Amino acid sequence: MFDSDEFISIFLSEANEIVEGLENDLVLLEDNKSDEDLLNKIFRSAHTLKSSAGTVGFTTMSELNHVAENLLEKVRSGKLDVTPKMITVLLEFLDTVKLMLQNIIDGKGEAEGVDNIESLKAKIKAIADLTPFLPPIRHKRMRKTATYRYIGSERSTLYTVCKSSWPIVLEITTTCMPG
């Protein structure tokens, strides 16, 4: 017969170890953005945490981890570059997971009192999906002439302002996530 308390105890021990390792690895990643071995290690850790949480029935934690895992897969596959904002949001994700783990240790529901789960999912998804945000300035004579590059979660766009006979060309870099 299986003892669910024993499985939860094992999960908590492993999850805390994984979270600690992920924190260290994310800090390393900030300075070693192209380290494929490190990226793969981070992805595998996030995947293990997601799967383990789901296995023992912590679906909210598993779903949150799934969103982070999707972001990490895009980085690992080269679709996104690592940015400081991404690291910050992933560290916020780990802080939230730590709160959820503490809730489980305290015998509470995993998400009890953790109010930022949905907003955190939205932040992570915005980074992963390159959700664009318009520049904060607009002018009636400003027109977009070309979007020409994506670098990580940033998009550079050329705008032309026809204020006189000499057009002024502006390059505006927008961050594609809430911030």
Foldseek 3Di string as FASTA:
>chain_A
DDDLVVLLVVLLVLLVVLLVVLLVLLVVCQVVFPPLVSLVSNLVSLVVNLVSCVVSPLNLLNVLSVLLSLQSVCSNVPVATDDPVLSVLVNVSSVLQVQLSVCVVVVHRSCVPPPCSVVSSQQSVQQSVLAFDDDPDDDPQKDWDDFDDDHGSKTWTWIWGPPDVDIDIDIDITGRGDD
